[in-house]
Amino acid sequence: MAANALVKAMFARLSGDAGLQALVGPDGVRDRMVARGKMPCIVFGEIDSRDEDGETLQVHLVTLEVWSLAEGRREAQVIAARVRELLHDAALALEGADLVNLTHRGTHTGRETKTKFQLAEMRFRAVTE
């Protein structure tokens, strides 16, 4: 499925960037939230995929979550900005599919009510064929 190939390519792009690793550490990009995991971190959230033309095109809405223990939003915003630089309009190679485009659709930042952690939710839209 193209969604899995897309996530794999996005993960590789983020985890392979020295600048982002300097911000989140070597294990700072994750496919799920880990109990007692180090922060700050980037976690792959929801992925919604659907057929666009009924044949070959698929649209994928991907949410990335930037989590931070910092008092304010700045740390999460700096990390989110780097993620955007790495992924917006990126030409990623996918296994078994072609990436038509990948665009950043928006970022929402705030303090998560339950944990009091800072959270930046980033939304990306990808089209594959």
N, C-alpha and C. Protein backbone atom coordinates (compact mmCIF):
# COMPACT_ATOMS: atom_id res chain seq x y z
N MET A 1 0.84 -1.19 0.00
CA MET A 1 0.00 0.00 0.00
C MET A 1 0.89 1.25 0.00
N ALA A 2 0.47 2.24 -0.74
CA ALA A 2 1.26 3.46 -0.88
C ALA A 2 1.41 4.21 0.45
N ALA A 3 0.42 4.13 1.33
CA ALA A 3 0.49 4.84 2.61
C ALA A 3 1.68 4.36 3.44
N ASN A 4 1.91 3.06 3.46
CA ASN A 4 3.04 2.53 4.22
C ASN A 4 4.38 2.97 3.62
N ALA A 5 4.45 2.96 2.30
CA ALA A 5 5.67 3.41 1.63
C ALA A 5 5.91 4.89 1.89
N LEU A 6 4.84 5.68 1.92
CA LEU A 6 4.95 7.11 2.20
C LEU A 6 5.49 7.35 3.60
N VAL A 7 4.91 6.66 4.58
CA VAL A 7 5.36 6.83 5.97
C VAL A 7 6.81 6.40 6.12
N LYS A 8 7.18 5.32 5.49
CA LYS A 8 8.56 4.83 5.54
C LYS A 8 9.53 5.88 4.98
N ALA A 9 9.17 6.48 3.86
CA ALA A 9 10.03 7.50 3.24
C ALA A 9 10.10 8.77 4.09
N MET A 10 8.96 9.18 4.65
CA MET A 10 8.95 10.36 5.52
C MET A 10 9.80 10.11 6.76
N PHE A 11 9.65 8.93 7.35
CA PHE A 11 10.42 8.56 8.54
C PHE A 11 11.92 8.60 8.23
N ALA A 12 12.31 8.02 7.10
CA ALA A 12 13.73 8.00 6.71
C ALA A 12 14.26 9.42 6.52
N ARG A 13 13.47 10.26 5.88
CA ARG A 13 13.90 11.65 5.64
C ARG A 13 14.12 12.39 6.96
N LEU A 14 13.17 12.25 7.89
CA LEU A 14 13.28 12.95 9.17
C LEU A 14 14.39 12.38 10.04
N SER A 15 14.44 11.07 10.16
CA SER A 15 15.44 10.46 11.06
C SER A 15 16.85 10.54 10.50
N GLY A 16 16.99 10.80 9.21
CA GLY A 16 18.31 10.90 8.60
C GLY A 16 18.87 12.31 8.55
N ASP A 17 18.17 13.28 9.08
CA ASP A 17 18.63 14.67 9.02
C ASP A 17 19.37 15.05 10.30
N ALA A 18 20.63 15.43 10.15
CA ALA A 18 21.47 15.77 11.31
C ALA A 18 20.92 16.99 12.06
N GLY A 19 20.40 17.96 11.35
CA GLY A 19 19.85 19.15 12.01
C GLY A 19 18.66 18.82 12.88
N LEU A 20 17.79 17.94 12.40
CA LEU A 20 16.62 17.54 13.20
C LEU A 20 17.05 16.66 14.37
N GLN A 21 18.03 15.79 14.13
CA GLN A 21 18.54 14.96 15.23
C GLN A 21 19.15 15.80 16.33
N ALA A 22 19.76 16.91 15.97
CA ALA A 22 20.32 17.80 16.99
C ALA A 22 19.21 18.38 17.87
N LEU A 23 18.00 18.52 17.32
CA LEU A 23 16.88 19.07 18.07
C LEU A 23 16.15 18.03 18.90
N VAL A 24 16.02 16.80 18.39
CA VAL A 24 15.21 15.78 19.08
C VAL A 24 16.00 14.57 19.56
N GLY A 25 17.26 14.45 19.20
CA GLY A 25 18.05 13.29 19.60
C GLY A 25 17.96 12.17 18.58
N PRO A 26 18.82 11.16 18.73
CA PRO A 26 18.90 10.09 17.73
C PRO A 26 17.65 9.22 17.62
N ASP A 27 16.86 9.10 18.68
CA ASP A 27 15.63 8.31 18.64
C ASP A 27 14.40 9.19 18.74
N GLY A 28 14.52 10.42 18.29
CA GLY A 28 13.45 11.40 18.46
C GLY A 28 12.34 11.34 17.44
N VAL A 29 12.48 10.52 16.40
CA VAL A 29 11.41 10.34 15.41
C VAL A 29 10.86 8.94 15.64
N ARG A 30 9.54 8.86 15.92
CA ARG A 30 8.93 7.57 16.29
C ARG A 30 7.63 7.34 15.53
N ASP A 31 7.28 6.08 15.40
CA ASP A 31 6.00 5.76 14.76
C ASP A 31 4.86 5.70 15.78
N ARG A 32 5.19 5.79 17.06
CA ARG A 32 4.17 5.82 18.11
C ARG A 32 4.76 6.45 19.37
N MET A 33 3.88 6.90 20.26
CA MET A 33 4.32 7.47 21.53
C MET A 33 4.76 6.33 22.44
N VAL A 34 5.91 6.49 23.05
CA VAL A 34 6.47 5.46 23.93
C VAL A 34 6.37 5.95 25.36
N ALA A 35 5.87 5.09 26.25
CA ALA A 35 5.80 5.45 27.67
C ALA A 35 7.20 5.76 28.18
N ARG A 36 7.32 6.85 28.86
CA ARG A 36 8.60 7.32 29.40
C ARG A 36 9.66 7.56 28.33
N GLY A 37 9.21 7.83 27.12
CA GLY A 37 10.15 8.15 26.05
C GLY A 37 10.72 9.54 26.22
N LYS A 38 11.92 9.74 25.71
CA LYS A 38 12.57 11.05 25.81
C LYS A 38 11.84 12.07 24.96
N MET A 39 11.84 13.29 25.44
CA MET A 39 11.27 14.41 24.69
C MET A 39 12.32 15.48 24.58
N PRO A 40 12.26 16.31 23.57
CA PRO A 40 11.20 16.40 22.56
C PRO A 40 11.26 15.22 21.59
N CYS A 41 10.15 15.00 20.91
CA CYS A 41 10.08 13.93 19.93
C CYS A 41 9.03 14.25 18.86
N ILE A 42 9.12 13.51 17.77
CA ILE A 42 8.17 13.61 16.66
C ILE A 42 7.52 12.24 16.53
N VAL A 43 6.19 12.21 16.53
CA VAL A 43 5.45 10.96 16.46
C VAL A 43 4.50 11.01 15.26
N PHE A 44 4.47 9.91 14.51
CA PHE A 44 3.50 9.80 13.43
C PHE A 44 2.13 9.56 14.04
N GLY A 45 1.18 10.43 13.71
CA GLY A 45 -0.18 10.31 14.22
C GLY A 45 -1.08 9.65 13.19
N GLU A 46 -2.26 10.21 13.02
CA GLU A 46 -3.26 9.63 12.12
C GLU A 46 -2.85 9.75 10.66
N ILE A 47 -3.25 8.75 9.90
CA ILE A 47 -3.07 8.76 8.45
C ILE A 47 -4.40 8.36 7.84
N ASP A 48 -4.93 9.22 7.00
CA ASP A 48 -6.20 8.96 6.32
C ASP A 48 -5.90 8.88 4.83
N SER A 49 -6.15 7.72 4.23
CA SER A 49 -5.89 7.53 2.79
C SER A 49 -7.18 7.21 2.07
N ARG A 50 -7.30 7.74 0.85
CA ARG A 50 -8.48 7.44 0.04
C ARG A 50 -8.10 7.50 -1.45
N ASP A 51 -8.86 6.76 -2.23
CA ASP A 51 -8.68 6.78 -3.69
C ASP A 51 -9.21 8.09 -4.22
N GLU A 52 -8.44 8.70 -5.11
CA GLU A 52 -8.83 10.00 -5.66
C GLU A 52 -9.58 9.85 -6.98
N ASP A 53 -9.09 8.97 -7.83
CA ASP A 53 -9.70 8.86 -9.16
C ASP A 53 -10.31 7.48 -9.40
N GLY A 54 -10.31 6.63 -8.38
CA GLY A 54 -10.86 5.29 -8.53
C GLY A 54 -9.94 4.31 -9.22
N GLU A 55 -8.77 4.78 -9.64
CA GLU A 55 -7.86 3.89 -10.36
C GLU A 55 -6.47 3.87 -9.74
N THR A 56 -5.72 4.96 -9.91
CA THR A 56 -4.32 4.92 -9.47
C THR A 56 -3.96 5.98 -8.43
N LEU A 57 -4.62 7.12 -8.44
CA LEU A 57 -4.27 8.20 -7.52
C LEU A 57 -4.85 7.97 -6.13
N GLN A 58 -4.01 8.18 -5.11
CA GLN A 58 -4.47 8.14 -3.74
C GLN A 58 -4.06 9.43 -3.04
N VAL A 59 -4.92 9.92 -2.16
CA VAL A 59 -4.63 11.08 -1.34
C VAL A 59 -4.45 10.60 0.08
N HIS A 60 -3.37 11.07 0.72
CA HIS A 60 -3.05 10.68 2.09
C HIS A 60 -2.94 11.94 2.94
N LEU A 61 -3.69 11.99 4.02
CA LEU A 61 -3.59 13.08 4.99
C LEU A 61 -2.84 12.52 6.19
N VAL A 62 -1.66 13.07 6.44
CA VAL A 62 -0.76 12.56 7.48
C VAL A 62 -0.61 13.61 8.56
N THR A 63 -0.75 13.18 9.81
CA THR A 63 -0.53 14.06 10.95
C THR A 63 0.75 13.67 11.65
N LEU A 64 1.63 14.63 11.85
CA LEU A 64 2.83 14.44 12.65
C LEU A 64 2.66 15.26 13.92
N GLU A 65 3.04 14.68 15.05
CA GLU A 65 2.93 15.35 16.33
C GLU A 65 4.32 15.65 16.87
N VAL A 66 4.57 16.89 17.21
CA VAL A 66 5.82 17.30 17.84
C VAL A 66 5.50 17.52 19.31
N TRP A 67 6.13 16.73 20.18
CA TRP A 67 5.89 16.79 21.63
C TRP A 67 7.09 17.41 22.33
N SER A 68 6.82 18.24 23.33
CA SER A 68 7.88 18.93 24.06
C SER A 68 7.49 19.09 25.53
N LEU A 69 8.48 19.03 26.40
CA LEU A 69 8.29 19.26 27.84
C LEU A 69 8.49 20.72 28.21
N ALA A 70 8.88 21.53 27.26
CA ALA A 70 9.21 22.94 27.53
C ALA A 70 7.99 23.69 28.06
N GLU A 71 8.24 24.76 28.78
CA GLU A 71 7.16 25.60 29.32
C GLU A 71 6.37 26.29 28.22
N GLY A 72 7.08 26.79 27.23
CA GLY A 72 6.42 27.52 26.15
C GLY A 72 6.43 26.73 24.85
N ARG A 73 5.91 27.35 23.80
CA ARG A 73 5.77 26.71 22.49
C ARG A 73 7.03 26.73 21.63
N ARG A 74 7.99 27.54 21.98
CA ARG A 74 9.13 27.78 21.10
C ARG A 74 9.83 26.51 20.64
N GLU A 75 10.15 25.61 21.56
CA GLU A 75 10.87 24.39 21.18
C GLU A 75 10.07 23.59 20.14
N ALA A 76 8.78 23.39 20.40
CA ALA A 76 7.94 22.65 19.46
C ALA A 76 7.85 23.37 18.12
N GLN A 77 7.78 24.69 18.14
CA GLN A 77 7.69 25.46 16.90
C GLN A 77 8.97 25.37 16.08
N VAL A 78 10.12 25.38 16.75
CA VAL A 78 11.40 25.28 16.05
C VAL A 78 11.52 23.91 15.39
N ILE A 79 11.15 22.86 16.11
CA ILE A 79 11.19 21.50 15.56
C ILE A 79 10.22 21.38 14.39
N ALA A 80 9.00 21.90 14.56
CA ALA A 80 8.00 21.84 13.49
C ALA A 80 8.48 22.58 12.24
N ALA A 81 9.16 23.68 12.42
CA ALA A 81 9.68 24.44 11.28
C ALA A 81 10.70 23.60 10.50
N ARG A 82 11.55 22.87 11.22
CA ARG A 82 12.55 22.02 10.56
C ARG A 82 11.86 20.87 9.82
N VAL A 83 10.86 20.27 10.45
CA VAL A 83 10.10 19.19 9.80
C VAL A 83 9.47 19.71 8.52
N ARG A 84 8.89 20.90 8.56
CA ARG A 84 8.28 21.48 7.37
C ARG A 84 9.31 21.68 6.26
N GLU A 85 10.50 22.19 6.63
CA GLU A 85 11.57 22.37 5.63
C GLU A 85 11.93 21.06 4.97
N LEU A 86 11.94 19.98 5.74
CA LEU A 86 12.36 18.68 5.21
C LEU A 86 11.30 17.99 4.36
N LEU A 87 10.02 18.24 4.65
CA LEU A 87 8.96 17.49 3.98
C LEU A 87 8.15 18.26 2.96
N HIS A 88 7.95 19.56 3.14
CA HIS A 88 7.12 20.32 2.21
C HIS A 88 7.75 20.32 0.82
N ASP A 89 7.00 19.84 -0.16
CA ASP A 89 7.46 19.74 -1.55
C ASP A 89 8.67 18.82 -1.73
N ALA A 90 8.87 17.90 -0.79
CA ALA A 90 10.01 16.98 -0.88
C ALA A 90 9.76 15.96 -1.99
N ALA A 91 10.82 15.58 -2.67
CA ALA A 91 10.77 14.56 -3.70
C ALA A 91 11.25 13.25 -3.08
N LEU A 92 10.35 12.55 -2.41
CA LEU A 92 10.71 11.31 -1.73
C LEU A 92 10.51 10.12 -2.66
N ALA A 93 11.44 9.17 -2.58
CA ALA A 93 11.31 7.94 -3.36
C ALA A 93 10.52 6.93 -2.54
N LEU A 94 9.44 6.40 -3.12
CA LEU A 94 8.59 5.43 -2.44
C LEU A 94 8.76 4.06 -3.07
N GLU A 95 8.69 3.02 -2.25
CA GLU A 95 8.72 1.65 -2.76
C GLU A 95 7.34 1.29 -3.30
N GLY A 96 7.25 0.94 -4.57
CA GLY A 96 6.01 0.48 -5.15
C GLY A 96 5.00 1.54 -5.52
N ALA A 97 5.36 2.81 -5.40
CA ALA A 97 4.46 3.91 -5.75
C ALA A 97 5.30 5.13 -6.11
N ASP A 98 4.66 6.08 -6.74
CA ASP A 98 5.30 7.35 -7.06
C ASP A 98 4.63 8.45 -6.26
N LEU A 99 5.43 9.34 -5.70
CA LEU A 99 4.91 10.49 -4.98
C LEU A 99 4.69 11.62 -5.98
N VAL A 100 3.43 12.04 -6.12
CA VAL A 100 3.10 13.14 -7.02
C VAL A 100 3.43 14.46 -6.34
N ASN A 101 2.99 14.61 -5.09
CA ASN A 101 3.36 15.79 -4.31
C ASN A 101 3.14 15.55 -2.83
N LEU A 102 3.80 16.36 -2.03
CA LEU A 102 3.69 16.32 -0.57
C LEU A 102 3.72 17.76 -0.10
N THR A 103 2.64 18.20 0.53
CA THR A 103 2.56 19.59 0.95
C THR A 103 2.14 19.70 2.41
N HIS A 104 2.71 20.71 3.06
CA HIS A 104 2.33 21.03 4.43
C HIS A 104 1.03 21.81 4.37
N ARG A 105 0.03 21.36 5.11
CA ARG A 105 -1.29 22.00 5.08
C ARG A 105 -1.54 22.92 6.27
N GLY A 106 -0.77 22.75 7.35
CA GLY A 106 -0.95 23.61 8.50
C GLY A 106 -0.40 22.99 9.77
N THR A 107 -0.20 23.83 10.77
CA THR A 107 0.28 23.39 12.07
C THR A 107 -0.52 24.08 13.17
N HIS A 108 -0.95 23.29 14.14
CA HIS A 108 -1.66 23.81 15.30
C HIS A 108 -0.80 23.55 16.53
N THR A 109 -0.52 24.59 17.32
CA THR A 109 0.30 24.41 18.53
C THR A 109 -0.52 24.75 19.77
N GLY A 110 -0.17 24.10 20.86
CA GLY A 110 -0.83 24.38 22.13
C GLY A 110 -0.37 23.42 23.20
N ARG A 111 -0.87 23.63 24.40
CA ARG A 111 -0.55 22.75 25.52
C ARG A 111 -1.61 21.66 25.58
N GLU A 112 -1.17 20.40 25.64
CA GLU A 112 -2.08 19.27 25.72
C GLU A 112 -2.67 19.24 27.12
N THR A 113 -3.97 19.22 27.21
CA THR A 113 -4.68 19.38 28.47
C THR A 113 -4.34 18.32 29.50
N LYS A 114 -4.32 17.08 29.11
CA LYS A 114 -4.13 15.98 30.06
C LYS A 114 -2.71 15.92 30.62
N THR A 115 -1.71 16.03 29.75
CA THR A 115 -0.31 15.87 30.18
C THR A 115 0.40 17.18 30.47
N LYS A 116 -0.14 18.28 29.96
CA LYS A 116 0.47 19.62 30.06
C LYS A 116 1.72 19.76 29.18
N PHE A 117 1.98 18.79 28.30
CA PHE A 117 3.09 18.89 27.36
C PHE A 117 2.71 19.85 26.24
N GLN A 118 3.71 20.46 25.62
CA GLN A 118 3.47 21.25 24.42
C GLN A 118 3.31 20.30 23.24
N LEU A 119 2.38 20.62 22.36
CA LEU A 119 2.11 19.79 21.20
C LEU A 119 1.94 20.66 19.97
N ALA A 120 2.66 20.32 18.93
CA ALA A 120 2.47 20.95 17.61
C ALA A 120 1.98 19.85 16.67
N GLU A 121 0.74 19.95 16.22
CA GLU A 121 0.18 18.99 15.29
C GLU A 121 0.36 19.53 13.88
N MET A 122 1.08 18.79 13.07
CA MET A 122 1.37 19.19 11.70
C MET A 122 0.55 18.31 10.76
N ARG A 123 -0.08 18.94 9.77
CA ARG A 123 -0.86 18.20 8.78
C ARG A 123 -0.22 18.32 7.40
N PHE A 124 -0.04 17.15 6.78
CA PHE A 124 0.52 17.09 5.44
C PHE A 124 -0.46 16.37 4.52
N ARG A 125 -0.45 16.76 3.25
CA ARG A 125 -1.27 16.10 2.23
C ARG A 125 -0.32 15.57 1.15
N ALA A 126 -0.44 14.28 0.89
CA ALA A 126 0.38 13.66 -0.14
C ALA A 126 -0.52 13.01 -1.17
N VAL A 127 -0.07 13.04 -2.42
CA VAL A 127 -0.77 12.35 -3.50
C VAL A 127 0.23 11.35 -4.09
N THR A 128 -0.24 10.10 -4.21
CA THR A 128 0.61 9.05 -4.77
C THR A 128 -0.12 8.38 -5.94
N GLU A 129 0.68 7.72 -6.78
CA GLU A 129 0.08 6.92 -7.87
C GLU A 129 0.93 5.68 -8.08
